[in-house]
Amino acid sequence: MRSLFVCLLVFVGTHQLVCLDEIGQCVSLIEQVAEGYLGCFKDIENTMLPSKTVKSIPDLTLKKCQQQCQGYTFLGLQYSNECFCGNNLNTDRYKSVPESDCNMQCSGENRMCGAGHRNSVYRVPF
């Protein structure tokens, strides 16, 4: 049986991220928060970040999506190879969901890139 423990409690805006898992995954979450990670959110028909959509990106990485979303405030990684950009994050309509809902690995790196109608959301760096 795997040993479970709380390793991180961080407040990002109004979102509370809690990591309950093994140390490797907790370190990964700490790194994501440092990169502007805001959490996993439920999307509705790909309308959460509608300003720009790029699908079927070969070898998608966070950096590739950041490049696509320059000039926007937020980005969403979805379905392992999709990138969404936008300036508003409506958390009343698009609810935060458990991290386990964003369970598809990016096609180009060892990072979670959302899932079907689930966005791994980040702030776009300036």
N, C-alpha and C. Protein backbone atom coordinates (compact mmCIF):
# COMPACT_ATOMS: atom_id res chain seq x y z
N MET A 1 0.83 -1.18 0.00
CA MET A 1 0.00 0.00 0.00
C MET A 1 0.87 1.24 0.00
N ARG A 2 0.53 2.15 -0.87
CA ARG A 2 1.30 3.38 -0.96
C ARG A 2 1.01 4.27 0.24
N SER A 3 2.04 4.91 0.70
CA SER A 3 1.91 5.84 1.81
C SER A 3 1.39 7.18 1.30
N LEU A 4 0.30 7.65 1.87
CA LEU A 4 -0.27 8.93 1.46
C LEU A 4 -0.06 9.96 2.57
N PHE A 5 0.16 11.19 2.16
CA PHE A 5 0.34 12.25 3.13
C PHE A 5 0.05 13.59 2.47
N VAL A 6 -0.19 14.58 3.28
CA VAL A 6 -0.39 15.93 2.76
C VAL A 6 0.98 16.57 2.67
N CYS A 7 1.35 17.01 1.47
CA CYS A 7 2.68 17.61 1.33
C CYS A 7 2.61 19.07 0.92
N LEU A 8 1.43 19.54 0.50
CA LEU A 8 1.37 20.92 0.02
C LEU A 8 -0.01 21.48 0.24
N LEU A 9 -0.05 22.69 0.73
CA LEU A 9 -1.31 23.42 0.85
C LEU A 9 -1.01 24.84 0.41
N VAL A 10 -1.51 25.22 -0.76
CA VAL A 10 -1.20 26.52 -1.34
C VAL A 10 -2.50 27.19 -1.72
N PHE A 11 -2.59 28.47 -1.49
CA PHE A 11 -3.75 29.23 -1.92
C PHE A 11 -3.37 30.04 -3.15
N VAL A 12 -4.11 29.87 -4.24
CA VAL A 12 -3.88 30.59 -5.48
C VAL A 12 -5.19 31.31 -5.78
N GLY A 13 -5.22 32.61 -5.57
CA GLY A 13 -6.47 33.34 -5.72
C GLY A 13 -7.47 32.78 -4.73
N THR A 14 -8.59 32.30 -5.23
CA THR A 14 -9.59 31.71 -4.34
C THR A 14 -9.53 30.18 -4.38
N HIS A 15 -8.51 29.63 -5.04
CA HIS A 15 -8.41 28.18 -5.18
C HIS A 15 -7.40 27.62 -4.20
N GLN A 16 -7.74 26.54 -3.60
CA GLN A 16 -6.86 25.86 -2.67
C GLN A 16 -6.42 24.56 -3.31
N LEU A 17 -5.12 24.41 -3.49
CA LEU A 17 -4.59 23.18 -4.06
C LEU A 17 -4.04 22.33 -2.93
N VAL A 18 -4.48 21.12 -2.84
CA VAL A 18 -3.98 20.21 -1.82
C VAL A 18 -3.43 18.98 -2.52
N CYS A 19 -2.21 18.64 -2.20
CA CYS A 19 -1.60 17.47 -2.80
C CYS A 19 -1.61 16.34 -1.79
N LEU A 20 -2.31 15.28 -2.13
CA LEU A 20 -2.37 14.09 -1.29
C LEU A 20 -1.82 12.93 -2.10
N ASP A 21 -0.53 12.76 -2.08
CA ASP A 21 0.04 11.69 -2.89
C ASP A 21 1.49 11.46 -2.49
N GLU A 22 2.18 10.69 -3.30
CA GLU A 22 3.57 10.41 -3.03
C GLU A 22 4.43 11.61 -3.33
N ILE A 23 5.64 11.62 -2.78
CA ILE A 23 6.51 12.79 -2.85
C ILE A 23 6.82 13.24 -4.26
N GLY A 24 7.03 12.35 -5.20
CA GLY A 24 7.35 12.74 -6.58
C GLY A 24 6.25 13.57 -7.20
N GLN A 25 5.00 13.18 -6.99
CA GLN A 25 3.90 13.94 -7.56
C GLN A 25 3.71 15.25 -6.82
N CYS A 26 4.03 15.29 -5.55
CA CYS A 26 3.93 16.54 -4.80
C CYS A 26 4.97 17.54 -5.29
N VAL A 27 6.18 17.07 -5.55
CA VAL A 27 7.22 17.95 -6.09
C VAL A 27 6.78 18.49 -7.44
N SER A 28 6.17 17.65 -8.25
CA SER A 28 5.67 18.07 -9.55
C SER A 28 4.64 19.18 -9.39
N LEU A 29 3.72 19.06 -8.43
CA LEU A 29 2.70 20.08 -8.21
C LEU A 29 3.33 21.38 -7.73
N ILE A 30 4.33 21.30 -6.87
CA ILE A 30 5.04 22.50 -6.40
C ILE A 30 5.66 23.22 -7.59
N GLU A 31 6.29 22.47 -8.50
CA GLU A 31 6.89 23.07 -9.70
C GLU A 31 5.82 23.73 -10.56
N GLN A 32 4.67 23.09 -10.71
CA GLN A 32 3.60 23.65 -11.53
C GLN A 32 3.09 24.96 -10.95
N VAL A 33 2.93 25.02 -9.63
CA VAL A 33 2.46 26.25 -8.99
C VAL A 33 3.46 27.38 -9.27
N ALA A 34 4.76 27.07 -9.21
CA ALA A 34 5.79 28.07 -9.50
C ALA A 34 5.70 28.55 -10.95
N GLU A 35 5.19 27.70 -11.85
CA GLU A 35 5.06 28.06 -13.26
C GLU A 35 3.73 28.77 -13.56
N GLY A 36 2.94 29.06 -12.54
CA GLY A 36 1.68 29.77 -12.74
C GLY A 36 0.47 28.86 -12.80
N TYR A 37 0.61 27.62 -12.35
CA TYR A 37 -0.50 26.67 -12.41
C TYR A 37 -1.62 27.09 -11.47
N LEU A 38 -2.87 27.11 -11.98
CA LEU A 38 -4.02 27.50 -11.18
C LEU A 38 -4.93 26.34 -10.83
N GLY A 39 -4.81 25.23 -11.54
CA GLY A 39 -5.63 24.07 -11.20
C GLY A 39 -6.29 23.44 -12.41
N CYS A 40 -7.07 22.41 -12.11
CA CYS A 40 -7.81 21.66 -13.12
C CYS A 40 -9.25 22.17 -13.11
N PHE A 41 -9.77 22.51 -14.29
CA PHE A 41 -11.10 23.08 -14.40
C PHE A 41 -11.94 22.33 -15.43
N LYS A 42 -13.23 22.22 -15.14
CA LYS A 42 -14.17 21.61 -16.08
C LYS A 42 -14.50 22.62 -17.18
N ASP A 43 -14.39 22.17 -18.42
CA ASP A 43 -14.73 23.00 -19.57
C ASP A 43 -16.11 22.59 -20.07
N ILE A 44 -16.76 23.49 -20.75
CA ILE A 44 -18.07 23.21 -21.35
C ILE A 44 -17.94 23.50 -22.84
N GLU A 45 -17.88 22.46 -23.64
CA GLU A 45 -17.79 22.58 -25.10
C GLU A 45 -16.69 23.54 -25.54
N ASN A 46 -15.53 23.45 -24.86
CA ASN A 46 -14.34 24.24 -25.22
C ASN A 46 -14.61 25.74 -25.25
N THR A 47 -15.37 26.24 -24.29
CA THR A 47 -15.68 27.68 -24.24
C THR A 47 -15.05 28.39 -23.05
N MET A 48 -14.28 27.68 -22.23
CA MET A 48 -13.71 28.29 -21.04
C MET A 48 -12.70 29.39 -21.40
N LEU A 49 -11.82 29.12 -22.34
CA LEU A 49 -10.82 30.08 -22.81
C LEU A 49 -10.96 30.19 -24.33
N PRO A 50 -11.94 30.97 -24.79
CA PRO A 50 -12.32 30.92 -26.21
C PRO A 50 -11.57 31.85 -27.16
N SER A 51 -10.67 32.67 -26.65
CA SER A 51 -10.04 33.68 -27.51
C SER A 51 -9.18 33.07 -28.62
N LYS A 52 -8.49 31.98 -28.31
CA LYS A 52 -7.64 31.32 -29.30
C LYS A 52 -7.61 29.83 -28.99
N THR A 53 -7.78 29.01 -30.01
CA THR A 53 -7.76 27.56 -29.86
C THR A 53 -6.79 26.98 -30.87
N VAL A 54 -5.86 26.15 -30.39
CA VAL A 54 -4.95 25.44 -31.28
C VAL A 54 -5.04 23.96 -30.91
N LYS A 55 -5.45 23.14 -31.87
CA LYS A 55 -5.63 21.71 -31.61
C LYS A 55 -4.60 20.89 -32.37
N SER A 56 -4.44 19.66 -31.93
CA SER A 56 -3.54 18.69 -32.57
C SER A 56 -2.11 19.21 -32.66
N ILE A 57 -1.61 19.76 -31.57
CA ILE A 57 -0.23 20.25 -31.54
C ILE A 57 0.70 19.05 -31.31
N PRO A 58 1.60 18.78 -32.27
CA PRO A 58 2.52 17.66 -32.06
C PRO A 58 3.47 17.98 -30.90
N ASP A 59 3.69 17.02 -30.05
CA ASP A 59 4.62 17.18 -28.93
C ASP A 59 4.32 18.43 -28.09
N LEU A 60 3.05 18.59 -27.67
CA LEU A 60 2.64 19.75 -26.88
C LEU A 60 3.39 19.81 -25.56
N THR A 61 3.89 20.99 -25.25
CA THR A 61 4.51 21.29 -23.96
C THR A 61 3.89 22.58 -23.44
N LEU A 62 4.09 22.84 -22.16
CA LEU A 62 3.62 24.10 -21.58
C LEU A 62 4.25 25.27 -22.33
N LYS A 63 5.53 25.18 -22.63
CA LYS A 63 6.22 26.27 -23.32
C LYS A 63 5.60 26.55 -24.69
N LYS A 64 5.25 25.50 -25.45
CA LYS A 64 4.62 25.70 -26.76
C LYS A 64 3.28 26.41 -26.62
N CYS A 65 2.51 26.05 -25.60
CA CYS A 65 1.22 26.70 -25.39
C CYS A 65 1.43 28.15 -24.94
N GLN A 66 2.42 28.38 -24.10
CA GLN A 66 2.73 29.74 -23.67
C GLN A 66 3.07 30.62 -24.88
N GLN A 67 3.81 30.06 -25.83
CA GLN A 67 4.15 30.82 -27.04
C GLN A 67 2.90 31.13 -27.85
N GLN A 68 1.99 30.17 -27.95
CA GLN A 68 0.73 30.39 -28.68
C GLN A 68 -0.13 31.45 -27.99
N CYS A 69 -0.03 31.54 -26.67
CA CYS A 69 -0.92 32.41 -25.89
C CYS A 69 -0.27 33.73 -25.47
N GLN A 70 0.85 34.11 -26.06
CA GLN A 70 1.46 35.40 -25.73
C GLN A 70 0.44 36.51 -25.96
N GLY A 71 0.33 37.42 -25.01
CA GLY A 71 -0.63 38.51 -25.10
C GLY A 71 -1.96 38.22 -24.41
N TYR A 72 -2.16 36.96 -24.01
CA TYR A 72 -3.35 36.58 -23.25
C TYR A 72 -2.97 36.41 -21.78
N THR A 73 -3.97 36.34 -20.92
CA THR A 73 -3.73 36.22 -19.48
C THR A 73 -3.65 34.77 -19.02
N PHE A 74 -4.48 33.90 -19.60
CA PHE A 74 -4.56 32.51 -19.17
C PHE A 74 -4.41 31.55 -20.35
N LEU A 75 -3.96 30.34 -20.03
CA LEU A 75 -3.92 29.28 -21.03
C LEU A 75 -4.45 28.00 -20.41
N GLY A 76 -5.00 27.16 -21.25
CA GLY A 76 -5.49 25.86 -20.80
C GLY A 76 -4.91 24.76 -21.67
N LEU A 77 -4.33 23.76 -21.04
CA LEU A 77 -3.85 22.57 -21.74
C LEU A 77 -4.96 21.53 -21.63
N GLN A 78 -5.35 20.95 -22.78
CA GLN A 78 -6.48 20.02 -22.77
C GLN A 78 -6.22 18.85 -23.71
N TYR A 79 -6.66 17.69 -23.30
CA TYR A 79 -6.71 16.49 -24.14
C TYR A 79 -5.35 16.09 -24.70
N SER A 80 -4.29 16.38 -24.00
CA SER A 80 -2.89 16.03 -24.29
C SER A 80 -2.25 16.79 -25.45
N ASN A 81 -3.05 17.40 -26.35
CA ASN A 81 -2.44 18.09 -27.49
C ASN A 81 -3.20 19.35 -27.93
N GLU A 82 -3.99 19.93 -27.02
CA GLU A 82 -4.76 21.12 -27.35
C GLU A 82 -4.40 22.27 -26.41
N CYS A 83 -4.41 23.48 -26.97
CA CYS A 83 -4.04 24.69 -26.22
C CYS A 83 -5.13 25.73 -26.42
N PHE A 84 -5.62 26.28 -25.32
CA PHE A 84 -6.66 27.31 -25.36
C PHE A 84 -6.14 28.56 -24.65
N CYS A 85 -6.50 29.73 -25.16
CA CYS A 85 -6.03 31.00 -24.60
C CYS A 85 -7.22 31.92 -24.33
N GLY A 86 -7.08 32.76 -23.31
CA GLY A 86 -8.13 33.73 -23.01
C GLY A 86 -7.68 34.72 -21.96
N ASN A 87 -8.49 35.76 -21.77
CA ASN A 87 -8.17 36.80 -20.80
C ASN A 87 -9.04 36.76 -19.55
N ASN A 88 -10.11 35.96 -19.58
CA ASN A 88 -11.01 35.89 -18.43
C ASN A 88 -11.11 34.45 -17.95
N LEU A 89 -11.17 34.30 -16.64
CA LEU A 89 -11.32 32.98 -16.04
C LEU A 89 -12.58 33.02 -15.18
N ASN A 90 -13.70 32.60 -15.74
CA ASN A 90 -14.99 32.63 -15.06
C ASN A 90 -15.14 31.36 -14.22
N THR A 91 -14.72 31.44 -12.96
CA THR A 91 -14.77 30.27 -12.09
C THR A 91 -16.16 30.00 -11.53
N ASP A 92 -17.11 30.91 -11.78
CA ASP A 92 -18.49 30.62 -11.39
C ASP A 92 -19.11 29.61 -12.36
N ARG A 93 -18.81 29.79 -13.63
CA ARG A 93 -19.35 28.88 -14.66
C ARG A 93 -18.46 27.64 -14.83
N TYR A 94 -17.15 27.84 -14.85
CA TYR A 94 -16.19 26.75 -15.07
C TYR A 94 -15.54 26.42 -13.74
N LYS A 95 -16.04 25.37 -13.14
CA LYS A 95 -15.66 25.02 -11.77
C LYS A 95 -14.32 24.29 -11.70
N SER A 96 -13.62 24.53 -10.62
CA SER A 96 -12.42 23.77 -10.30
C SER A 96 -12.84 22.34 -9.97
N VAL A 97 -12.08 21.38 -10.48
CA VAL A 97 -12.38 19.96 -10.24
C VAL A 97 -11.13 19.30 -9.66
N PRO A 98 -11.25 18.09 -9.12
CA PRO A 98 -10.08 17.43 -8.54
C PRO A 98 -8.94 17.27 -9.56
N GLU A 99 -7.72 17.35 -9.07
CA GLU A 99 -6.55 17.19 -9.92
C GLU A 99 -6.58 15.88 -10.71
N SER A 100 -7.18 14.86 -10.12
CA SER A 100 -7.24 13.55 -10.79
C SER A 100 -8.07 13.59 -12.07
N ASP A 101 -8.90 14.64 -12.25
CA ASP A 101 -9.68 14.79 -13.49
C ASP A 101 -8.80 15.19 -14.67
N CYS A 102 -7.70 15.86 -14.41
CA CYS A 102 -6.75 16.24 -15.47
C CYS A 102 -5.69 15.15 -15.53
N ASN A 103 -6.02 14.07 -16.22
CA ASN A 103 -5.19 12.87 -16.13
C ASN A 103 -4.55 12.44 -17.45
N MET A 104 -4.54 13.31 -18.45
CA MET A 104 -3.89 12.98 -19.72
C MET A 104 -2.54 13.69 -19.80
N GLN A 105 -1.50 12.92 -20.05
CA GLN A 105 -0.16 13.49 -20.14
C GLN A 105 0.00 14.26 -21.44
N CYS A 106 0.73 15.37 -21.39
CA CYS A 106 1.02 16.15 -22.60
C CYS A 106 1.74 15.27 -23.61
N SER A 107 1.47 15.53 -24.88
CA SER A 107 2.09 14.73 -25.93
C SER A 107 3.59 14.98 -26.07
N GLY A 108 4.08 16.08 -25.46
CA GLY A 108 5.50 16.41 -25.62
C GLY A 108 6.32 16.50 -24.36
N GLU A 109 5.71 16.24 -23.20
CA GLU A 109 6.48 16.28 -21.95
C GLU A 109 5.72 15.57 -20.84
N ASN A 110 6.43 15.32 -19.76
CA ASN A 110 5.85 14.62 -18.61
C ASN A 110 5.14 15.62 -17.71
N ARG A 111 3.95 16.02 -18.14
CA ARG A 111 3.11 16.98 -17.41
C ARG A 111 1.67 16.65 -17.77
N MET A 112 0.75 16.92 -16.87
CA MET A 112 -0.65 16.67 -17.18
C MET A 112 -1.21 17.79 -18.05
N CYS A 113 -1.86 17.39 -19.12
CA CYS A 113 -2.46 18.34 -20.07
C CYS A 113 -3.96 18.13 -20.11
N GLY A 114 -4.61 18.28 -18.97
CA GLY A 114 -6.06 18.19 -18.91
C GLY A 114 -6.57 16.81 -19.25
N ALA A 115 -7.73 16.78 -19.90
CA ALA A 115 -8.40 15.55 -20.35
C ALA A 115 -9.57 16.01 -21.22
N GLY A 116 -10.49 15.13 -21.51
CA GLY A 116 -11.67 15.53 -22.26
C GLY A 116 -12.49 16.53 -21.47
N HIS A 117 -12.66 17.73 -21.99
CA HIS A 117 -13.40 18.82 -21.33
C HIS A 117 -12.86 19.13 -19.94
N ARG A 118 -11.55 18.99 -19.79
CA ARG A 118 -10.84 19.36 -18.56
C ARG A 118 -9.60 20.14 -18.96
N ASN A 119 -9.42 21.32 -18.38
CA ASN A 119 -8.26 22.17 -18.67
C ASN A 119 -7.31 22.22 -17.48
N SER A 120 -6.04 22.01 -17.75
CA SER A 120 -4.98 22.33 -16.80
C SER A 120 -4.66 23.80 -17.07
N VAL A 121 -5.05 24.69 -16.15
CA VAL A 121 -5.00 26.14 -16.41
C VAL A 121 -3.78 26.78 -15.75
N TYR A 122 -3.13 27.66 -16.53
CA TYR A 122 -1.95 28.40 -16.09
C TYR A 122 -2.13 29.88 -16.40
N ARG A 123 -1.44 30.72 -15.65
CA ARG A 123 -1.31 32.13 -16.03
C ARG A 123 -0.22 32.18 -17.09
N VAL A 124 -0.41 33.02 -18.09
CA VAL A 124 0.60 33.20 -19.13
C VAL A 124 1.65 34.17 -18.60
N PRO A 125 2.93 33.79 -18.63
CA PRO A 125 3.96 34.71 -18.15
C PRO A 125 4.09 35.93 -19.06
N PHE A 126 4.50 37.05 -18.49
CA PHE A 126 4.66 38.29 -19.25
C PHE A 126 5.88 38.23 -20.11
